[in-house]
Amino acid sequence: MILVRAIVRPEKKDVLLAELSSAGFHAATVVDVVGRGKQMGIKIGDVLYDEIPKSLIMMAVPAAQKDEIVSLILKYAKSSDAGAFGDGKIFISPVEEVYTVSTGAKGL
């Protein structure tokens, strides 16, 4: 099992979640966050915006589905066909165990 964390532009969040759900990936945790990447923020005129709004989407999925979910995120999180700075990042981490709080059941 893996944990997929995708940081994406907020305007891409709803489309991405809909496409992930259509592909069978229904369960997700979504958090509105702020941050900056390599570009160190955005300067518009004399104003520097160094905390850019983003959405963090987290999903625990079987490791065998990693390529499918990463492909969907890459396809639907881009701001254009070519992509652009600030489109986001995808982080993949192993998950050792998962428990359901209400039942105590182990596993997804």
N, C-alpha and C. Protein backbone atom coordinates (compact mmCIF):
# COMPACT_ATOMS: atom_id res chain seq x y z
N MET A 1 0.84 -1.17 0.00
CA MET A 1 0.00 0.00 0.00
C MET A 1 0.89 1.24 0.00
N ILE A 2 0.40 2.27 -0.65
CA ILE A 2 1.16 3.52 -0.73
C ILE A 2 0.26 4.70 -0.37
N LEU A 3 0.89 5.80 0.02
CA LEU A 3 0.20 7.06 0.23
C LEU A 3 0.62 8.00 -0.88
N VAL A 4 -0.35 8.46 -1.64
CA VAL A 4 -0.09 9.42 -2.72
C VAL A 4 -0.50 10.79 -2.21
N ARG A 5 0.44 11.72 -2.24
CA ARG A 5 0.16 13.10 -1.87
C ARG A 5 0.43 13.97 -3.09
N ALA A 6 -0.60 14.64 -3.56
CA ALA A 6 -0.48 15.50 -4.74
C ALA A 6 -0.79 16.93 -4.32
N ILE A 7 0.16 17.81 -4.59
CA ILE A 7 -0.04 19.23 -4.37
C ILE A 7 -0.34 19.84 -5.73
N VAL A 8 -1.54 20.42 -5.87
CA VAL A 8 -1.98 20.90 -7.17
C VAL A 8 -2.57 22.32 -7.04
N ARG A 9 -2.75 22.96 -8.19
CA ARG A 9 -3.39 24.27 -8.22
C ARG A 9 -4.84 24.11 -7.73
N PRO A 10 -5.34 25.05 -6.93
CA PRO A 10 -6.71 24.92 -6.40
C PRO A 10 -7.77 24.82 -7.50
N GLU A 11 -7.55 25.49 -8.61
CA GLU A 11 -8.55 25.44 -9.69
C GLU A 11 -8.59 24.09 -10.40
N LYS A 12 -7.61 23.23 -10.15
CA LYS A 12 -7.58 21.89 -10.74
C LYS A 12 -8.14 20.83 -9.80
N LYS A 13 -8.36 21.18 -8.55
CA LYS A 13 -8.77 20.22 -7.52
C LYS A 13 -10.06 19.49 -7.89
N ASP A 14 -11.13 20.21 -8.23
CA ASP A 14 -12.42 19.58 -8.48
C ASP A 14 -12.40 18.67 -9.70
N VAL A 15 -11.76 19.11 -10.77
CA VAL A 15 -11.66 18.29 -11.98
C VAL A 15 -10.86 17.02 -11.67
N LEU A 16 -9.75 17.19 -10.97
CA LEU A 16 -8.91 16.04 -10.64
C LEU A 16 -9.65 15.05 -9.76
N LEU A 17 -10.33 15.53 -8.73
CA LEU A 17 -11.09 14.63 -7.85
C LEU A 17 -12.19 13.89 -8.62
N ALA A 18 -12.86 14.58 -9.54
CA ALA A 18 -13.91 13.94 -10.34
C ALA A 18 -13.32 12.84 -11.23
N GLU A 19 -12.19 13.12 -11.85
CA GLU A 19 -11.56 12.11 -12.72
C GLU A 19 -11.03 10.93 -11.91
N LEU A 20 -10.46 11.20 -10.75
CA LEU A 20 -9.99 10.11 -9.89
C LEU A 20 -11.17 9.24 -9.45
N SER A 21 -12.28 9.87 -9.08
CA SER A 21 -13.47 9.12 -8.67
C SER A 21 -14.03 8.30 -9.83
N SER A 22 -14.04 8.87 -11.03
CA SER A 22 -14.52 8.14 -12.21
C SER A 22 -13.67 6.90 -12.48
N ALA A 23 -12.40 6.97 -12.11
CA ALA A 23 -11.49 5.84 -12.32
C ALA A 23 -11.53 4.85 -11.15
N GLY A 24 -12.39 5.11 -10.16
CA GLY A 24 -12.52 4.18 -9.04
C GLY A 24 -11.77 4.57 -7.79
N PHE A 25 -11.12 5.71 -7.80
CA PHE A 25 -10.40 6.20 -6.63
C PHE A 25 -11.28 7.23 -5.92
N HIS A 26 -12.18 6.75 -5.07
CA HIS A 26 -13.18 7.62 -4.45
C HIS A 26 -12.69 8.28 -3.16
N ALA A 27 -11.91 7.57 -2.39
CA ALA A 27 -11.50 8.06 -1.07
C ALA A 27 -10.31 9.00 -1.18
N ALA A 28 -10.48 10.20 -0.64
CA ALA A 28 -9.40 11.19 -0.67
C ALA A 28 -9.56 12.14 0.50
N THR A 29 -8.45 12.65 0.96
CA THR A 29 -8.44 13.73 1.94
C THR A 29 -7.90 14.95 1.22
N VAL A 30 -8.61 16.08 1.34
CA VAL A 30 -8.22 17.30 0.64
C VAL A 30 -8.03 18.41 1.67
N VAL A 31 -6.89 19.09 1.55
CA VAL A 31 -6.57 20.18 2.47
C VAL A 31 -6.12 21.38 1.64
N ASP A 32 -6.67 22.54 1.95
CA ASP A 32 -6.18 23.77 1.32
C ASP A 32 -4.91 24.19 2.05
N VAL A 33 -3.85 24.41 1.29
CA VAL A 33 -2.55 24.75 1.86
C VAL A 33 -1.97 25.95 1.12
N VAL A 34 -0.88 26.49 1.64
CA VAL A 34 -0.12 27.52 0.95
C VAL A 34 1.34 27.11 0.96
N GLY A 35 2.07 27.58 -0.03
CA GLY A 35 3.49 27.26 -0.10
C GLY A 35 4.12 27.91 -1.31
N ARG A 36 5.34 27.53 -1.53
CA ARG A 36 6.04 28.03 -2.72
C ARG A 36 7.02 26.96 -3.16
N GLY A 37 7.32 26.99 -4.44
CA GLY A 37 8.26 26.03 -5.00
C GLY A 37 9.56 26.70 -5.37
N LYS A 38 10.19 26.14 -6.38
CA LYS A 38 11.49 26.64 -6.82
C LYS A 38 11.45 28.09 -7.26
N GLN A 39 10.28 28.53 -7.75
CA GLN A 39 10.18 29.89 -8.26
C GLN A 39 10.15 30.93 -7.14
N MET A 40 10.07 30.48 -5.88
CA MET A 40 10.10 31.37 -4.70
C MET A 40 8.98 32.39 -4.70
N GLY A 41 7.80 32.00 -5.15
CA GLY A 41 6.66 32.90 -5.15
C GLY A 41 6.47 33.57 -6.49
N ILE A 42 5.55 34.53 -6.51
CA ILE A 42 5.23 35.25 -7.73
C ILE A 42 5.34 36.74 -7.44
N LYS A 43 6.01 37.47 -8.33
CA LYS A 43 6.11 38.92 -8.19
C LYS A 43 5.22 39.57 -9.25
N ILE A 44 4.28 40.38 -8.77
CA ILE A 44 3.39 41.12 -9.66
C ILE A 44 3.59 42.60 -9.33
N GLY A 45 4.20 43.32 -10.25
CA GLY A 45 4.56 44.71 -9.97
C GLY A 45 5.59 44.74 -8.87
N ASP A 46 5.31 45.50 -7.84
CA ASP A 46 6.23 45.60 -6.71
C ASP A 46 5.88 44.64 -5.58
N VAL A 47 4.83 43.84 -5.75
CA VAL A 47 4.36 42.97 -4.67
C VAL A 47 4.85 41.54 -4.92
N LEU A 48 5.46 40.94 -3.89
CA LEU A 48 5.91 39.55 -3.95
C LEU A 48 4.94 38.69 -3.15
N TYR A 49 4.32 37.72 -3.82
CA TYR A 49 3.44 36.76 -3.17
C TYR A 49 4.25 35.48 -2.97
N ASP A 50 4.73 35.27 -1.74
CA ASP A 50 5.59 34.11 -1.53
C ASP A 50 4.85 32.92 -0.93
N GLU A 51 3.57 33.08 -0.63
CA GLU A 51 2.75 31.96 -0.20
C GLU A 51 1.60 31.82 -1.19
N ILE A 52 1.74 30.82 -2.05
CA ILE A 52 0.79 30.60 -3.14
C ILE A 52 -0.24 29.55 -2.70
N PRO A 53 -1.54 29.81 -2.88
CA PRO A 53 -2.56 28.82 -2.51
C PRO A 53 -2.43 27.56 -3.37
N LYS A 54 -2.53 26.41 -2.73
CA LYS A 54 -2.51 25.10 -3.39
C LYS A 54 -3.52 24.20 -2.69
N SER A 55 -3.79 23.05 -3.28
CA SER A 55 -4.61 22.01 -2.67
C SER A 55 -3.77 20.76 -2.52
N LEU A 56 -3.85 20.14 -1.36
CA LEU A 56 -3.16 18.88 -1.09
C LEU A 56 -4.19 17.77 -1.09
N ILE A 57 -4.01 16.80 -1.99
CA ILE A 57 -4.90 15.65 -2.09
C ILE A 57 -4.11 14.43 -1.66
N MET A 58 -4.63 13.71 -0.65
CA MET A 58 -3.96 12.52 -0.14
C MET A 58 -4.86 11.31 -0.32
N MET A 59 -4.25 10.21 -0.81
CA MET A 59 -4.99 8.99 -1.05
C MET A 59 -4.13 7.78 -0.72
N ALA A 60 -4.66 6.84 0.05
CA ALA A 60 -3.99 5.57 0.29
C ALA A 60 -4.56 4.56 -0.71
N VAL A 61 -3.68 3.95 -1.50
CA VAL A 61 -4.12 3.02 -2.54
C VAL A 61 -3.18 1.82 -2.57
N PRO A 62 -3.64 0.71 -3.14
CA PRO A 62 -2.73 -0.43 -3.33
C PRO A 62 -1.55 -0.03 -4.22
N ALA A 63 -0.38 -0.52 -3.90
CA ALA A 63 0.84 -0.18 -4.65
C ALA A 63 0.71 -0.52 -6.14
N ALA A 64 -0.06 -1.54 -6.46
CA ALA A 64 -0.23 -1.95 -7.86
C ALA A 64 -0.95 -0.89 -8.69
N GLN A 65 -1.63 0.04 -8.04
CA GLN A 65 -2.37 1.08 -8.76
C GLN A 65 -1.60 2.40 -8.86
N LYS A 66 -0.35 2.39 -8.43
CA LYS A 66 0.45 3.62 -8.42
C LYS A 66 0.54 4.27 -9.79
N ASP A 67 0.89 3.52 -10.81
CA ASP A 67 1.07 4.10 -12.15
C ASP A 67 -0.22 4.71 -12.67
N GLU A 68 -1.35 4.05 -12.41
CA GLU A 68 -2.64 4.56 -12.88
C GLU A 68 -2.99 5.89 -12.21
N ILE A 69 -2.83 5.97 -10.91
CA ILE A 69 -3.20 7.19 -10.21
C ILE A 69 -2.24 8.33 -10.53
N VAL A 70 -0.95 8.03 -10.67
CA VAL A 70 0.02 9.06 -11.04
C VAL A 70 -0.28 9.59 -12.44
N SER A 71 -0.62 8.72 -13.36
CA SER A 71 -0.96 9.15 -14.72
C SER A 71 -2.17 10.08 -14.73
N LEU A 72 -3.18 9.74 -13.93
CA LEU A 72 -4.37 10.59 -13.86
C LEU A 72 -4.03 11.97 -13.29
N ILE A 73 -3.24 12.00 -12.25
CA ILE A 73 -2.86 13.29 -11.65
C ILE A 73 -2.06 14.11 -12.66
N LEU A 74 -1.09 13.49 -13.31
CA LEU A 74 -0.29 14.21 -14.29
C LEU A 74 -1.14 14.75 -15.44
N LYS A 75 -2.16 14.00 -15.83
CA LYS A 75 -3.00 14.42 -16.94
C LYS A 75 -3.93 15.58 -16.56
N TYR A 76 -4.55 15.50 -15.39
CA TYR A 76 -5.60 16.45 -15.05
C TYR A 76 -5.17 17.60 -14.14
N ALA A 77 -3.95 17.59 -13.63
CA ALA A 77 -3.50 18.68 -12.75
C ALA A 77 -2.71 19.75 -13.50
N LYS A 78 -2.35 19.48 -14.75
CA LYS A 78 -1.59 20.47 -15.53
C LYS A 78 -2.45 21.67 -15.88
N SER A 79 -1.82 22.85 -15.90
CA SER A 79 -2.54 24.07 -16.25
C SER A 79 -2.66 24.25 -17.76
N SER A 80 -1.86 23.50 -18.52
CA SER A 80 -1.92 23.53 -19.99
C SER A 80 -1.33 22.23 -20.51
N ASP A 81 -1.40 22.01 -21.81
CA ASP A 81 -0.84 20.77 -22.37
C ASP A 81 0.65 20.64 -22.07
N ALA A 82 1.36 21.75 -22.12
CA ALA A 82 2.80 21.73 -21.87
C ALA A 82 3.14 21.76 -20.39
N GLY A 83 2.19 22.16 -19.55
CA GLY A 83 2.46 22.32 -18.12
C GLY A 83 3.18 23.63 -17.86
N ALA A 84 3.30 23.98 -16.58
CA ALA A 84 3.94 25.24 -16.21
C ALA A 84 4.48 25.14 -14.79
N PHE A 85 5.41 26.04 -14.44
CA PHE A 85 5.87 26.12 -13.07
C PHE A 85 4.66 26.35 -12.17
N GLY A 86 4.65 25.68 -11.03
CA GLY A 86 3.56 25.86 -10.09
C GLY A 86 2.41 24.89 -10.27
N ASP A 87 2.51 23.96 -11.24
CA ASP A 87 1.44 22.99 -11.43
C ASP A 87 1.38 21.98 -10.29
N GLY A 88 2.48 21.78 -9.56
CA GLY A 88 2.44 20.93 -8.39
C GLY A 88 3.48 19.84 -8.37
N LYS A 89 3.34 18.97 -7.39
CA LYS A 89 4.23 17.83 -7.17
C LYS A 89 3.40 16.64 -6.72
N ILE A 90 3.95 15.45 -6.94
CA ILE A 90 3.35 14.20 -6.46
C ILE A 90 4.40 13.50 -5.61
N PHE A 91 4.00 13.12 -4.40
CA PHE A 91 4.89 12.39 -3.50
C PHE A 91 4.28 11.02 -3.22
N ILE A 92 5.09 9.97 -3.31
CA ILE A 92 4.66 8.61 -3.06
C ILE A 92 5.44 8.07 -1.87
N SER A 93 4.72 7.54 -0.88
CA SER A 93 5.34 6.97 0.32
C SER A 93 4.72 5.62 0.63
N PRO A 94 5.51 4.71 1.18
CA PRO A 94 4.93 3.43 1.60
C PRO A 94 4.06 3.62 2.85
N VAL A 95 3.03 2.80 2.96
CA VAL A 95 2.16 2.78 4.14
C VAL A 95 2.30 1.41 4.78
N GLU A 96 2.68 1.39 6.04
CA GLU A 96 2.89 0.11 6.73
C GLU A 96 1.59 -0.52 7.18
N GLU A 97 0.70 0.27 7.77
CA GLU A 97 -0.56 -0.26 8.28
C GLU A 97 -1.64 0.80 8.19
N VAL A 98 -2.90 0.33 8.08
CA VAL A 98 -4.06 1.21 8.07
C VAL A 98 -5.13 0.58 8.96
N TYR A 99 -5.76 1.41 9.77
CA TYR A 99 -6.85 0.94 10.64
C TYR A 99 -8.05 1.85 10.47
N THR A 100 -9.24 1.27 10.47
CA THR A 100 -10.47 2.03 10.46
C THR A 100 -10.83 2.34 11.91
N VAL A 101 -10.99 3.60 12.22
CA VAL A 101 -11.22 4.02 13.61
C VAL A 101 -12.52 3.44 14.17
N SER A 102 -13.60 3.48 13.41
CA SER A 102 -14.90 3.06 13.94
C SER A 102 -14.96 1.57 14.26
N THR A 103 -14.27 0.75 13.48
CA THR A 103 -14.36 -0.72 13.69
C THR A 103 -13.07 -1.33 14.22
N GLY A 104 -11.98 -0.63 14.07
CA GLY A 104 -10.69 -1.19 14.47
C GLY A 104 -10.13 -2.15 13.42
N ALA A 105 -10.83 -2.30 12.30
CA ALA A 105 -10.40 -3.22 11.25
C ALA A 105 -9.09 -2.74 10.63
N LYS A 106 -8.23 -3.71 10.35
CA LYS A 106 -6.93 -3.41 9.72
C LYS A 106 -7.08 -3.53 8.21
N GLY A 107 -6.47 -2.60 7.47
CA GLY A 107 -6.50 -2.63 6.01
C GLY A 107 -7.48 -1.63 5.45
N LEU A 108 -7.40 -1.43 4.12
CA LEU A 108 -8.31 -0.49 3.47
C LEU A 108 -9.71 -1.03 3.53
